[in-house]
Amino acid sequence: MTHTTNQPEADINEIISSAVNARVEAAVLEAMSGDQVMGRYVTAALSAPVKNEDRYGRSRTAKPETFLHHTVRSSIQKATTDAVKRVLAESEAELEDLVRKAIKAQAGDLAKKISQAMCDQASRGYGIQVQVSIPGEDDY
């Protein structure tokens, strides 16, 4: 006896299966949407340990830190970095002026140290090369 599959029966099975799956998904979503269940998931997520490693896989902290601690610390560090960048950008002209004044104040001492170092190297006979060229003459 040959068994033939009836197309309407197959369609009914698919419809029933889809309906059952939809009801199961709805029941799971309803159960998970309760405040207690979501509160537990949020608490678990916030207190989950986070690996805080450098690019070589070494731990950056002495003890594991939670997701909440890591997120707060990272946010504060980023906000601090951004604030420092803004302050430096706003003060760029003033900072440049201060650096120039410091260089000018130390220029005499700096020139003395450079010339002394050159003399020391020259007295040892190595480290300094002097080339003299006169325009129009061939190099020999």
Protein backbone atom coordinates (compact mmCIF):
# COMPACT_ATOMS: atom_id res chain seq x y z
CA MET A 1 0.00 0.00 0.00
CA THR A 2 1.37 3.37 -1.01
CA HIS A 3 0.99 6.28 1.35
CA THR A 4 0.47 9.64 -0.32
CA THR A 5 0.94 12.88 1.50
CA ASN A 6 -2.07 15.04 1.39
CA GLN A 7 -1.21 18.74 0.76
CA PRO A 8 -4.00 20.13 2.98
CA GLU A 9 -2.81 17.93 5.88
CA ALA A 10 0.77 19.25 5.52
CA ASP A 11 -0.49 22.84 5.52
CA ILE A 12 -2.57 22.21 8.64
CA ASN A 13 0.48 20.71 10.41
CA GLU A 14 2.56 23.78 9.55
CA ILE A 15 -0.18 26.10 10.77
CA ILE A 16 -0.56 24.20 14.04
CA SER A 17 3.22 24.07 14.53
CA SER A 18 3.56 27.83 13.86
CA ALA A 19 0.69 28.61 16.22
CA VAL A 20 2.19 26.49 19.02
CA ASN A 21 5.64 28.07 18.52
CA ALA A 22 4.11 31.55 18.60
CA ARG A 23 2.24 30.78 21.84
CA VAL A 24 5.39 29.38 23.45
CA GLU A 25 7.42 32.45 22.42
CA ALA A 26 4.67 34.75 23.73
CA ALA A 27 4.59 32.90 27.06
CA VAL A 28 8.38 33.09 27.41
CA LEU A 29 8.41 36.81 26.56
CA GLU A 30 5.59 37.47 29.01
CA ALA A 31 7.44 35.62 31.77
CA MET A 32 10.67 37.48 31.03
CA SER A 33 9.05 40.90 30.85
CA GLY A 34 8.10 40.87 34.52
CA ASP A 35 9.93 43.39 36.68
CA GLN A 36 11.43 40.74 38.94
CA VAL A 37 12.85 38.66 36.10
CA MET A 38 14.25 41.67 34.23
CA GLY A 39 15.62 43.05 37.48
CA ARG A 40 17.52 39.82 38.04
CA TYR A 41 18.93 39.93 34.51
CA VAL A 42 19.98 43.56 34.89
CA THR A 43 21.60 42.85 38.27
CA ALA A 44 23.40 39.82 36.84
CA ALA A 45 24.61 41.83 33.84
CA LEU A 46 25.89 44.71 35.98
CA SER A 47 27.75 42.43 38.36
CA ALA A 48 29.19 40.12 35.69
CA PRO A 49 33.01 40.10 35.72
CA VAL A 50 34.72 41.81 32.80
CA LYS A 51 38.14 40.92 31.46
CA ASN A 52 40.22 44.06 31.43
CA GLU A 53 43.34 43.11 29.50
CA ASP A 54 45.93 45.00 27.56
CA ARG A 55 46.80 44.09 23.98
CA TYR A 56 49.16 41.34 25.21
CA GLY A 57 46.46 39.59 27.25
CA ARG A 58 47.79 40.75 30.63
CA SER A 59 45.27 41.86 33.24
CA ARG A 60 45.21 45.62 33.83
CA THR A 61 43.63 45.33 37.26
CA ALA A 62 44.73 43.42 40.35
CA LYS A 63 41.30 41.87 40.80
CA PRO A 64 38.45 41.26 38.38
CA GLU A 65 36.08 44.17 38.04
CA THR A 66 32.36 44.13 37.38
CA PHE A 67 30.73 45.40 34.21
CA LEU A 68 29.22 48.31 36.17
CA HIS A 69 32.58 49.32 37.71
CA HIS A 70 34.37 48.98 34.35
CA THR A 71 31.72 51.03 32.52
CA VAL A 72 31.68 53.82 35.12
CA ARG A 73 35.50 53.98 35.30
CA SER A 74 35.83 54.00 31.49
CA SER A 75 33.19 56.73 31.15
CA ILE A 76 34.89 58.92 33.76
CA GLN A 77 38.28 58.44 32.07
CA LYS A 78 36.85 59.36 28.66
CA ALA A 79 35.07 62.43 30.07
CA THR A 80 38.30 63.54 31.78
CA THR A 81 40.33 63.05 28.60
CA ASP A 82 37.78 65.04 26.58
CA ALA A 83 37.79 67.86 29.16
CA VAL A 84 41.60 68.07 29.16
CA LYS A 85 41.64 68.20 25.35
CA ARG A 86 39.10 71.07 25.38
CA VAL A 87 41.08 73.02 27.98
CA LEU A 88 44.32 72.56 26.03
CA ALA A 89 42.64 73.60 22.78
CA GLU A 90 41.21 76.72 24.44
CA SER A 91 44.61 77.59 25.96
CA GLU A 92 46.76 76.75 22.93
CA ALA A 93 47.98 80.32 22.28
CA GLU A 94 48.80 80.91 25.96
CA LEU A 95 50.64 77.57 26.23
CA GLU A 96 52.64 78.30 23.08
CA ASP A 97 53.64 81.69 24.50
CA LEU A 98 54.77 80.10 27.78
CA VAL A 99 56.83 77.47 25.94
CA ARG A 100 58.49 80.12 23.77
CA LYS A 101 59.39 82.20 26.84
CA ALA A 102 60.85 79.14 28.59
CA ILE A 103 62.95 78.30 25.52
CA LYS A 104 64.21 81.88 25.23
CA ALA A 105 65.06 81.96 28.95
CA GLN A 106 67.14 78.80 28.60
CA ALA A 107 68.57 79.50 25.13
CA GLY A 108 71.94 80.75 26.41
CA ASP A 109 72.45 77.74 28.63
CA LEU A 110 71.25 75.42 25.88
CA ALA A 111 73.66 76.94 23.33
CA LYS A 112 76.53 76.63 25.83
CA LYS A 113 75.76 72.94 26.43
CA ILE A 114 75.54 72.21 22.70
CA SER A 115 78.85 73.95 21.93
CA GLN A 116 80.55 72.23 24.88
CA ALA A 117 79.30 68.84 23.66
CA MET A 118 80.61 69.59 20.16
CA CYS A 119 84.02 70.55 21.53
CA ASP A 120 84.16 67.40 23.64
CA GLN A 121 83.35 65.24 20.63
CA ALA A 122 85.88 67.06 18.45
CA SER A 123 88.63 66.57 21.04
CA ARG A 124 88.03 62.83 20.90
CA GLY A 125 88.51 62.83 17.14
CA TYR A 126 85.26 61.22 16.21
CA GLY A 127 81.59 62.04 16.03
CA ILE A 128 81.89 65.30 14.09
CA GLN A 129 82.57 65.65 10.41
CA VAL A 130 83.35 68.96 8.80
CA GLN A 131 82.99 69.50 5.06
CA VAL A 132 83.90 72.70 3.32
CA SER A 133 82.80 73.43 -0.19
CA ILE A 134 83.44 76.51 -2.22
CA PRO A 135 80.86 77.38 -4.83
CA GLY A 136 82.19 76.88 -8.33
CA GLU A 137 84.98 74.48 -7.45
CA ASP A 138 84.82 70.80 -8.10
CA ASP A 139 84.89 68.47 -5.15
CA TYR A 140 88.08 66.39 -4.95
